[in-house]
Amino acid sequence: MTADSSSNNLHPIHKPVIDLKATGEKIKQLRIFKNLSVHDLQVLLGFEYPQAIYLWESGKTLPSIENLIILSQIFEIGILEIIILKRN
């Protein structure tokens, strides 16, 4: 089998799209479920200011991969349980 013939069986992988708003709401729900304030989360993440957390929870930005790992440890769930994907 040549490289050209094997590539005929390949198809592009559907790229996931993260739902910023739903993911932010999920982070807020998880924080509240753990009885943590925004300030508590700020301290646990080592942030000087809480603005990043407010931006996540309002769906304006996403946490970095590093912060998602920390959040998954704080919330005791997998990263993919924090992220909400848009449905097509």
N, C-alpha and C. Protein backbone atom coordinates (compact mmCIF):
# COMPACT_ATOMS: atom_id res chain seq x y z
N MET A 1 0.85 -1.18 0.00
CA MET A 1 0.00 0.00 0.00
C MET A 1 0.90 1.23 0.00
N THR A 2 0.62 2.14 -0.87
CA THR A 2 1.41 3.37 -0.95
C THR A 2 0.83 4.42 -0.03
N ALA A 3 1.61 5.45 0.24
CA ALA A 3 1.14 6.53 1.11
C ALA A 3 -0.09 7.20 0.52
N ASP A 4 -0.13 7.30 -0.81
CA ASP A 4 -1.28 7.94 -1.45
C ASP A 4 -2.55 7.13 -1.26
N SER A 5 -2.46 5.82 -1.38
CA SER A 5 -3.68 5.01 -1.27
C SER A 5 -4.16 4.94 0.17
N SER A 6 -3.26 4.96 1.16
CA SER A 6 -3.70 4.90 2.56
C SER A 6 -4.35 6.22 2.99
N SER A 7 -3.93 7.33 2.40
CA SER A 7 -4.52 8.61 2.79
C SER A 7 -5.95 8.76 2.27
N ASN A 8 -6.34 7.92 1.34
CA ASN A 8 -7.72 7.97 0.84
C ASN A 8 -8.73 7.56 1.91
N ASN A 9 -8.27 6.81 2.91
CA ASN A 9 -9.16 6.36 3.98
C ASN A 9 -9.24 7.35 5.13
N LEU A 10 -8.45 8.41 5.08
CA LEU A 10 -8.44 9.39 6.16
C LEU A 10 -9.47 10.47 5.91
N HIS A 11 -10.07 10.90 7.00
CA HIS A 11 -11.05 11.98 6.94
C HIS A 11 -10.71 12.98 8.04
N PRO A 12 -10.95 14.25 7.79
CA PRO A 12 -10.66 15.25 8.83
C PRO A 12 -11.44 14.96 10.11
N ILE A 13 -10.80 15.20 11.22
CA ILE A 13 -11.45 15.04 12.51
C ILE A 13 -12.28 16.29 12.78
N HIS A 14 -13.51 16.07 13.24
CA HIS A 14 -14.39 17.20 13.57
C HIS A 14 -13.76 17.98 14.73
N LYS A 15 -13.53 19.25 14.52
CA LYS A 15 -12.90 20.08 15.55
C LYS A 15 -13.95 20.53 16.56
N PRO A 16 -13.69 20.26 17.83
CA PRO A 16 -14.64 20.69 18.86
C PRO A 16 -14.61 22.20 19.04
N VAL A 17 -15.74 22.76 19.40
CA VAL A 17 -15.84 24.19 19.69
C VAL A 17 -16.32 24.32 21.13
N ILE A 18 -15.54 25.02 21.93
CA ILE A 18 -15.88 25.18 23.34
C ILE A 18 -16.94 26.27 23.49
N ASP A 19 -17.96 25.97 24.26
CA ASP A 19 -19.01 26.93 24.57
C ASP A 19 -18.53 27.75 25.76
N LEU A 20 -18.06 28.97 25.48
CA LEU A 20 -17.49 29.82 26.53
C LEU A 20 -18.48 30.11 27.66
N LYS A 21 -19.69 30.46 27.28
CA LYS A 21 -20.70 30.83 28.28
C LYS A 21 -21.04 29.65 29.18
N ALA A 22 -21.31 28.49 28.56
CA ALA A 22 -21.67 27.29 29.33
C ALA A 22 -20.50 26.81 30.19
N THR A 23 -19.29 26.92 29.67
CA THR A 23 -18.12 26.52 30.44
C THR A 23 -17.94 27.44 31.65
N GLY A 24 -18.14 28.73 31.44
CA GLY A 24 -18.06 29.69 32.54
C GLY A 24 -19.11 29.41 33.61
N GLU A 25 -20.32 29.10 33.17
CA GLU A 25 -21.39 28.76 34.11
C GLU A 25 -21.05 27.49 34.89
N LYS A 26 -20.42 26.54 34.21
CA LYS A 26 -20.03 25.28 34.85
C LYS A 26 -18.97 25.54 35.92
N ILE A 27 -17.99 26.38 35.61
CA ILE A 27 -16.96 26.72 36.59
C ILE A 27 -17.59 27.37 37.81
N LYS A 28 -18.53 28.27 37.59
CA LYS A 28 -19.21 28.94 38.70
C LYS A 28 -20.00 27.93 39.53
N GLN A 29 -20.74 27.04 38.87
CA GLN A 29 -21.51 26.01 39.58
C GLN A 29 -20.59 25.12 40.43
N LEU A 30 -19.47 24.71 39.84
CA LEU A 30 -18.53 23.86 40.57
C LEU A 30 -17.93 24.59 41.77
N ARG A 31 -17.62 25.86 41.58
CA ARG A 31 -17.08 26.66 42.69
C ARG A 31 -18.07 26.75 43.83
N ILE A 32 -19.32 27.04 43.49
CA ILE A 32 -20.38 27.17 44.50
C ILE A 32 -20.63 25.82 45.17
N PHE A 33 -20.64 24.73 44.39
CA PHE A 33 -20.85 23.39 44.93
C PHE A 33 -19.78 23.04 45.96
N LYS A 34 -18.55 23.52 45.74
CA LYS A 34 -17.45 23.27 46.67
C LYS A 34 -17.42 24.30 47.81
N ASN A 35 -18.44 25.16 47.85
CA ASN A 35 -18.53 26.20 48.89
C ASN A 35 -17.31 27.12 48.89
N LEU A 36 -16.87 27.48 47.69
CA LEU A 36 -15.73 28.38 47.55
C LEU A 36 -16.20 29.73 47.02
N SER A 37 -15.65 30.79 47.57
CA SER A 37 -15.91 32.13 47.04
C SER A 37 -14.94 32.38 45.90
N VAL A 38 -15.16 33.45 45.17
CA VAL A 38 -14.21 33.85 44.13
C VAL A 38 -12.86 34.13 44.77
N HIS A 39 -12.88 34.76 45.94
CA HIS A 39 -11.63 35.04 46.64
C HIS A 39 -10.91 33.75 47.01
N ASP A 40 -11.65 32.74 47.48
CA ASP A 40 -11.04 31.45 47.80
C ASP A 40 -10.33 30.87 46.57
N LEU A 41 -11.02 30.89 45.44
CA LEU A 41 -10.45 30.35 44.21
C LEU A 41 -9.23 31.17 43.79
N GLN A 42 -9.32 32.47 43.96
CA GLN A 42 -8.19 33.36 43.65
C GLN A 42 -6.96 32.95 44.46
N VAL A 43 -7.14 32.69 45.75
CA VAL A 43 -6.03 32.30 46.61
C VAL A 43 -5.49 30.93 46.20
N LEU A 44 -6.37 29.97 45.96
CA LEU A 44 -5.95 28.62 45.57
C LEU A 44 -5.17 28.62 44.26
N LEU A 45 -5.55 29.51 43.34
CA LEU A 45 -4.88 29.60 42.05
C LEU A 45 -3.62 30.47 42.10
N GLY A 46 -3.44 31.20 43.20
CA GLY A 46 -2.28 32.06 43.34
C GLY A 46 -2.37 33.35 42.55
N PHE A 47 -3.60 33.82 42.32
CA PHE A 47 -3.80 35.05 41.56
C PHE A 47 -3.73 36.25 42.50
N GLU A 48 -3.16 37.34 42.00
CA GLU A 48 -3.13 38.57 42.78
C GLU A 48 -4.51 39.24 42.78
N TYR A 49 -5.21 39.13 41.64
CA TYR A 49 -6.52 39.75 41.48
C TYR A 49 -7.52 38.71 40.97
N PRO A 50 -8.81 38.90 41.24
CA PRO A 50 -9.81 37.91 40.84
C PRO A 50 -10.39 38.09 39.44
N GLN A 51 -9.94 39.09 38.70
CA GLN A 51 -10.57 39.41 37.42
C GLN A 51 -10.63 38.21 36.47
N ALA A 52 -9.58 37.41 36.41
CA ALA A 52 -9.56 36.26 35.50
C ALA A 52 -10.72 35.31 35.81
N ILE A 53 -10.98 35.09 37.08
CA ILE A 53 -12.07 34.19 37.48
C ILE A 53 -13.40 34.77 37.05
N TYR A 54 -13.61 36.05 37.24
CA TYR A 54 -14.85 36.69 36.79
C TYR A 54 -15.00 36.60 35.27
N LEU A 55 -13.90 36.75 34.55
CA LEU A 55 -13.95 36.62 33.09
C LEU A 55 -14.31 35.20 32.67
N TRP A 56 -13.76 34.20 33.36
CA TRP A 56 -14.12 32.80 33.06
C TRP A 56 -15.60 32.58 33.31
N GLU A 57 -16.05 32.98 34.50
CA GLU A 57 -17.43 32.70 34.90
C GLU A 57 -18.45 33.45 34.06
N SER A 58 -18.05 34.56 33.46
CA SER A 58 -18.98 35.30 32.60
C SER A 58 -18.90 34.82 31.15
N GLY A 59 -18.01 33.87 30.87
CA GLY A 59 -17.90 33.32 29.53
C GLY A 59 -17.13 34.20 28.56
N LYS A 60 -16.31 35.10 29.08
CA LYS A 60 -15.54 35.98 28.19
C LYS A 60 -14.19 35.39 27.81
N THR A 61 -13.61 34.58 28.70
CA THR A 61 -12.35 33.92 28.42
C THR A 61 -12.37 32.51 29.01
N LEU A 62 -11.36 31.72 28.65
CA LEU A 62 -11.20 30.38 29.20
C LEU A 62 -9.94 30.33 30.05
N PRO A 63 -9.93 29.46 31.06
CA PRO A 63 -8.70 29.26 31.81
C PRO A 63 -7.62 28.65 30.91
N SER A 64 -6.37 28.93 31.21
CA SER A 64 -5.27 28.27 30.51
C SER A 64 -5.30 26.78 30.82
N ILE A 65 -4.55 26.01 30.06
CA ILE A 65 -4.47 24.57 30.33
C ILE A 65 -3.97 24.33 31.76
N GLU A 66 -2.96 25.08 32.16
CA GLU A 66 -2.42 24.92 33.51
C GLU A 66 -3.49 25.19 34.57
N ASN A 67 -4.28 26.25 34.37
CA ASN A 67 -5.34 26.57 35.33
C ASN A 67 -6.48 25.56 35.28
N LEU A 68 -6.74 25.00 34.10
CA LEU A 68 -7.75 23.93 34.02
C LEU A 68 -7.31 22.71 34.82
N ILE A 69 -6.02 22.40 34.77
CA ILE A 69 -5.50 21.28 35.55
C ILE A 69 -5.69 21.54 37.05
N ILE A 70 -5.37 22.76 37.48
CA ILE A 70 -5.55 23.12 38.89
C ILE A 70 -7.03 23.08 39.27
N LEU A 71 -7.90 23.63 38.40
CA LEU A 71 -9.33 23.61 38.69
C LEU A 71 -9.85 22.17 38.80
N SER A 72 -9.36 21.30 37.93
CA SER A 72 -9.80 19.90 37.98
C SER A 72 -9.38 19.25 39.31
N GLN A 73 -8.23 19.65 39.83
CA GLN A 73 -7.79 19.13 41.13
C GLN A 73 -8.64 19.71 42.26
N ILE A 74 -8.92 21.00 42.19
CA ILE A 74 -9.74 21.65 43.22
C ILE A 74 -11.14 21.05 43.24
N PHE A 75 -11.72 20.88 42.05
CA PHE A 75 -13.09 20.38 41.96
C PHE A 75 -13.18 18.85 41.98
N GLU A 76 -12.02 18.20 41.91
CA GLU A 76 -11.93 16.74 41.96
C GLU A 76 -12.70 16.08 40.81
N ILE A 77 -12.53 16.64 39.62
CA ILE A 77 -13.14 16.08 38.41
C ILE A 77 -12.14 16.21 37.26
N GLY A 78 -12.43 15.55 36.16
CA GLY A 78 -11.57 15.64 34.99
C GLY A 78 -11.75 16.96 34.26
N ILE A 79 -10.73 17.35 33.54
CA ILE A 79 -10.78 18.60 32.77
C ILE A 79 -11.95 18.60 31.80
N LEU A 80 -12.19 17.47 31.15
CA LEU A 80 -13.27 17.40 30.17
C LEU A 80 -14.66 17.51 30.82
N GLU A 81 -14.73 17.39 32.13
CA GLU A 81 -16.00 17.61 32.83
C GLU A 81 -16.23 19.09 33.12
N ILE A 82 -15.17 19.88 33.01
CA ILE A 82 -15.28 21.34 33.21
C ILE A 82 -15.66 22.02 31.91
N ILE A 83 -15.06 21.57 30.82
CA ILE A 83 -15.26 22.18 29.51
C ILE A 83 -16.58 21.70 28.89
N ILE A 84 -17.37 22.64 28.40
CA ILE A 84 -18.62 22.32 27.72
C ILE A 84 -18.44 22.62 26.24
N LEU A 85 -18.71 21.61 25.41
CA LEU A 85 -18.59 21.78 23.97
C LEU A 85 -19.92 22.18 23.36
N LYS A 86 -19.84 22.99 22.32
CA LYS A 86 -21.06 23.36 21.57
C LYS A 86 -21.53 22.15 20.79
N ARG A 87 -22.81 22.00 20.71
CA ARG A 87 -23.39 20.90 19.93
C ARG A 87 -23.75 21.40 18.54
N ASN A 88 -23.50 20.55 17.55
CA ASN A 88 -23.82 20.94 16.17
C ASN A 88 -25.16 20.39 15.75
